[in-house]
Amino acid sequence: MLIPVRCFTCGNLIADKFKEYQSRVKGGEDPGKVLDSFGFKRYCCRSMILTSVETIHQVIPFYEAIKRREQEVRSELE
């Protein structure tokens, strides 16, 4: 997970609630009400949760492609 641990502006802890937020929103709950239930009243904390994207799933294919290419080059040199 690449979500910040704390809010950059106020320092409120936010990372521990991110997975629950995602599961509840995917379950059909209103995102605003979910954030209210966590106690996120400040705009800075709410924006940190709403705009966070898990980029690891986008990066992994590139990493795997680089590793495959390294193996191909090694096998060609042998």
N, C-alpha and C. Protein backbone atom coordinates (compact mmCIF):
# COMPACT_ATOMS: atom_id res chain seq x y z
N MET A 1 0.85 -1.16 0.00
CA MET A 1 0.00 0.00 0.00
C MET A 1 0.90 1.23 0.00
N LEU A 2 0.61 2.18 -0.84
CA LEU A 2 1.42 3.37 -0.94
C LEU A 2 0.68 4.61 -0.47
N ILE A 3 -0.28 4.45 0.39
CA ILE A 3 -1.00 5.58 0.94
C ILE A 3 -0.15 6.18 2.06
N PRO A 4 -0.13 7.49 2.19
CA PRO A 4 0.64 8.10 3.29
C PRO A 4 0.11 7.65 4.65
N VAL A 5 1.01 7.49 5.59
CA VAL A 5 0.62 7.05 6.92
C VAL A 5 -0.15 8.14 7.64
N ARG A 6 0.31 9.36 7.49
CA ARG A 6 -0.34 10.50 8.15
C ARG A 6 -0.70 11.57 7.11
N CYS A 7 -1.67 12.37 7.47
CA CYS A 7 -2.06 13.50 6.62
C CYS A 7 -0.89 14.48 6.55
N PHE A 8 -0.57 14.95 5.35
CA PHE A 8 0.56 15.86 5.19
C PHE A 8 0.32 17.20 5.88
N THR A 9 -0.92 17.62 6.00
CA THR A 9 -1.22 18.93 6.54
C THR A 9 -1.34 18.94 8.05
N CYS A 10 -2.18 18.05 8.60
CA CYS A 10 -2.46 18.11 10.04
C CYS A 10 -1.80 16.99 10.85
N GLY A 11 -1.28 15.97 10.18
CA GLY A 11 -0.61 14.88 10.88
C GLY A 11 -1.53 13.81 11.43
N ASN A 12 -2.81 13.86 11.08
CA ASN A 12 -3.76 12.86 11.54
C ASN A 12 -3.44 11.50 10.91
N LEU A 13 -3.57 10.43 11.67
CA LEU A 13 -3.30 9.08 11.18
C LEU A 13 -4.42 8.65 10.23
N ILE A 14 -4.06 8.28 8.99
CA ILE A 14 -5.08 7.93 8.01
C ILE A 14 -4.88 6.55 7.37
N ALA A 15 -3.66 6.03 7.34
CA ALA A 15 -3.38 4.81 6.59
C ALA A 15 -4.07 3.58 7.17
N ASP A 16 -4.31 3.58 8.47
CA ASP A 16 -4.92 2.40 9.09
C ASP A 16 -6.39 2.24 8.72
N LYS A 17 -7.00 3.26 8.16
CA LYS A 17 -8.41 3.20 7.82
C LYS A 17 -8.66 3.04 6.32
N PHE A 18 -7.60 3.02 5.52
CA PHE A 18 -7.76 3.02 4.07
C PHE A 18 -8.40 1.74 3.54
N LYS A 19 -7.95 0.59 4.00
CA LYS A 19 -8.52 -0.68 3.50
C LYS A 19 -9.99 -0.82 3.87
N GLU A 20 -10.33 -0.43 5.09
CA GLU A 20 -11.74 -0.50 5.49
C GLU A 20 -12.56 0.48 4.66
N TYR A 21 -12.01 1.66 4.39
CA TYR A 21 -12.70 2.64 3.55
C TYR A 21 -12.99 2.03 2.17
N GLN A 22 -11.97 1.42 1.57
CA GLN A 22 -12.16 0.83 0.24
C GLN A 22 -13.21 -0.27 0.25
N SER A 23 -13.16 -1.12 1.25
CA SER A 23 -14.12 -2.23 1.28
C SER A 23 -15.54 -1.74 1.50
N ARG A 24 -15.70 -0.73 2.34
CA ARG A 24 -17.05 -0.21 2.59
C ARG A 24 -17.61 0.53 1.37
N VAL A 25 -16.76 1.27 0.67
CA VAL A 25 -17.22 1.98 -0.53
C VAL A 25 -17.55 0.98 -1.63
N LYS A 26 -16.73 -0.06 -1.78
CA LYS A 26 -17.04 -1.10 -2.78
C LYS A 26 -18.31 -1.85 -2.41
N GLY A 27 -18.63 -1.87 -1.13
CA GLY A 27 -19.86 -2.52 -0.67
C GLY A 27 -21.10 -1.68 -0.90
N GLY A 28 -20.93 -0.45 -1.38
CA GLY A 28 -22.08 0.36 -1.73
C GLY A 28 -22.38 1.53 -0.80
N GLU A 29 -21.57 1.73 0.22
CA GLU A 29 -21.82 2.86 1.13
C GLU A 29 -21.37 4.16 0.49
N ASP A 30 -21.95 5.26 0.95
CA ASP A 30 -21.60 6.59 0.49
C ASP A 30 -20.22 6.97 1.04
N PRO A 31 -19.27 7.39 0.16
CA PRO A 31 -17.93 7.73 0.65
C PRO A 31 -17.91 8.82 1.70
N GLY A 32 -18.78 9.81 1.57
CA GLY A 32 -18.82 10.88 2.57
C GLY A 32 -19.23 10.39 3.94
N LYS A 33 -20.20 9.50 3.97
CA LYS A 33 -20.65 8.96 5.26
C LYS A 33 -19.60 8.04 5.88
N VAL A 34 -18.86 7.32 5.03
CA VAL A 34 -17.80 6.46 5.55
C VAL A 34 -16.71 7.32 6.18
N LEU A 35 -16.34 8.41 5.52
CA LEU A 35 -15.32 9.30 6.07
C LEU A 35 -15.80 9.95 7.37
N ASP A 36 -17.08 10.30 7.43
CA ASP A 36 -17.63 10.85 8.67
C ASP A 36 -17.57 9.83 9.79
N SER A 37 -17.83 8.56 9.49
CA SER A 37 -17.80 7.54 10.53
C SER A 37 -16.39 7.32 11.08
N PHE A 38 -15.37 7.59 10.25
CA PHE A 38 -13.98 7.50 10.72
C PHE A 38 -13.56 8.72 11.52
N GLY A 39 -14.36 9.78 11.46
CA GLY A 39 -14.02 10.99 12.19
C GLY A 39 -13.18 11.97 11.38
N PHE A 40 -13.12 11.79 10.06
CA PHE A 40 -12.38 12.71 9.21
C PHE A 40 -13.27 13.89 8.86
N LYS A 41 -13.13 14.96 9.61
CA LYS A 41 -13.94 16.16 9.38
C LYS A 41 -13.17 17.22 8.59
N ARG A 42 -11.85 17.17 8.65
CA ARG A 42 -11.03 18.17 7.95
C ARG A 42 -10.92 17.83 6.47
N TYR A 43 -10.87 18.87 5.66
CA TYR A 43 -10.77 18.67 4.22
C TYR A 43 -9.45 18.02 3.83
N CYS A 44 -8.39 18.33 4.56
CA CYS A 44 -7.09 17.78 4.20
C CYS A 44 -7.08 16.26 4.34
N CYS A 45 -7.61 15.74 5.41
CA CYS A 45 -7.63 14.28 5.62
C CYS A 45 -8.56 13.60 4.62
N ARG A 46 -9.70 14.22 4.38
CA ARG A 46 -10.65 13.64 3.44
C ARG A 46 -10.05 13.57 2.03
N SER A 47 -9.34 14.63 1.64
CA SER A 47 -8.75 14.63 0.30
C SER A 47 -7.61 13.62 0.20
N MET A 48 -6.88 13.40 1.30
CA MET A 48 -5.80 12.40 1.27
C MET A 48 -6.38 11.01 1.02
N ILE A 49 -7.48 10.68 1.66
CA ILE A 49 -8.11 9.37 1.47
C ILE A 49 -8.73 9.27 0.08
N LEU A 50 -9.45 10.29 -0.33
CA LEU A 50 -10.16 10.23 -1.61
C LEU A 50 -9.24 10.21 -2.81
N THR A 51 -8.08 10.83 -2.73
CA THR A 51 -7.20 10.94 -3.89
C THR A 51 -6.08 9.92 -3.89
N SER A 52 -6.00 9.07 -2.88
CA SER A 52 -4.94 8.06 -2.84
C SER A 52 -5.25 6.93 -3.81
N VAL A 53 -4.23 6.51 -4.53
CA VAL A 53 -4.37 5.45 -5.52
C VAL A 53 -3.28 4.42 -5.23
N GLU A 54 -3.65 3.16 -5.24
CA GLU A 54 -2.66 2.12 -5.05
C GLU A 54 -1.95 1.89 -6.38
N THR A 55 -0.75 2.43 -6.50
CA THR A 55 0.00 2.36 -7.75
C THR A 55 0.83 1.10 -7.87
N ILE A 56 0.94 0.33 -6.82
CA ILE A 56 1.79 -0.86 -6.86
C ILE A 56 1.32 -1.84 -7.93
N HIS A 57 0.02 -1.92 -8.16
CA HIS A 57 -0.50 -2.83 -9.17
C HIS A 57 -0.16 -2.36 -10.59
N GLN A 58 0.11 -1.07 -10.74
CA GLN A 58 0.51 -0.54 -12.03
C GLN A 58 2.01 -0.68 -12.25
N VAL A 59 2.79 -0.74 -11.17
CA VAL A 59 4.24 -0.81 -11.26
C VAL A 59 4.74 -2.24 -11.43
N ILE A 60 4.08 -3.19 -10.82
CA ILE A 60 4.54 -4.59 -10.83
C ILE A 60 4.76 -5.14 -12.24
N PRO A 61 3.87 -4.92 -13.22
CA PRO A 61 4.13 -5.48 -14.56
C PRO A 61 5.44 -4.97 -15.18
N PHE A 62 5.80 -3.72 -14.93
CA PHE A 62 7.05 -3.18 -15.47
C PHE A 62 8.24 -3.85 -14.81
N TYR A 63 8.16 -4.05 -13.51
CA TYR A 63 9.23 -4.72 -12.77
C TYR A 63 9.41 -6.15 -13.28
N GLU A 64 8.32 -6.85 -13.48
CA GLU A 64 8.39 -8.22 -13.98
C GLU A 64 8.96 -8.25 -15.40
N ALA A 65 8.61 -7.28 -16.24
CA ALA A 65 9.13 -7.23 -17.60
C ALA A 65 10.64 -6.99 -17.59
N ILE A 66 11.11 -6.14 -16.69
CA ILE A 66 12.55 -5.89 -16.59
C ILE A 66 13.28 -7.15 -16.17
N LYS A 67 12.73 -7.86 -15.20
CA LYS A 67 13.37 -9.10 -14.73
C LYS A 67 13.40 -10.15 -15.85
N ARG A 68 12.32 -10.27 -16.62
CA ARG A 68 12.29 -11.21 -17.74
C ARG A 68 13.35 -10.85 -18.79
N ARG A 69 13.46 -9.58 -19.08
CA ARG A 69 14.44 -9.12 -20.07
C ARG A 69 15.86 -9.39 -19.59
N GLU A 70 16.13 -9.19 -18.30
CA GLU A 70 17.45 -9.49 -17.75
C GLU A 70 17.78 -10.97 -17.91
N GLN A 71 16.80 -11.82 -17.67
CA GLN A 71 17.02 -13.26 -17.82
C GLN A 71 17.27 -13.63 -19.28
N GLU A 72 16.56 -12.99 -20.20
CA GLU A 72 16.77 -13.25 -21.63
C GLU A 72 18.18 -12.86 -22.06
N VAL A 73 18.63 -11.71 -21.59
CA VAL A 73 19.97 -11.24 -21.94
C VAL A 73 21.03 -12.17 -21.36
N ARG A 74 20.84 -12.60 -20.14
CA ARG A 74 21.80 -13.54 -19.52
C ARG A 74 21.85 -14.86 -20.30
N SER A 75 20.70 -15.36 -20.70
CA SER A 75 20.67 -16.62 -21.44
C SER A 75 21.30 -16.47 -22.83
N GLU A 76 21.18 -15.30 -23.45
CA GLU A 76 21.79 -15.05 -24.75
C GLU A 76 23.31 -14.95 -24.63
N LEU A 77 23.79 -14.42 -23.53
CA LEU A 77 25.24 -14.27 -23.33
C LEU A 77 25.92 -15.58 -22.98
N GLU A 78 25.18 -16.53 -22.49
CA GLU A 78 25.78 -17.81 -22.09
C GLU A 78 25.98 -18.73 -23.24
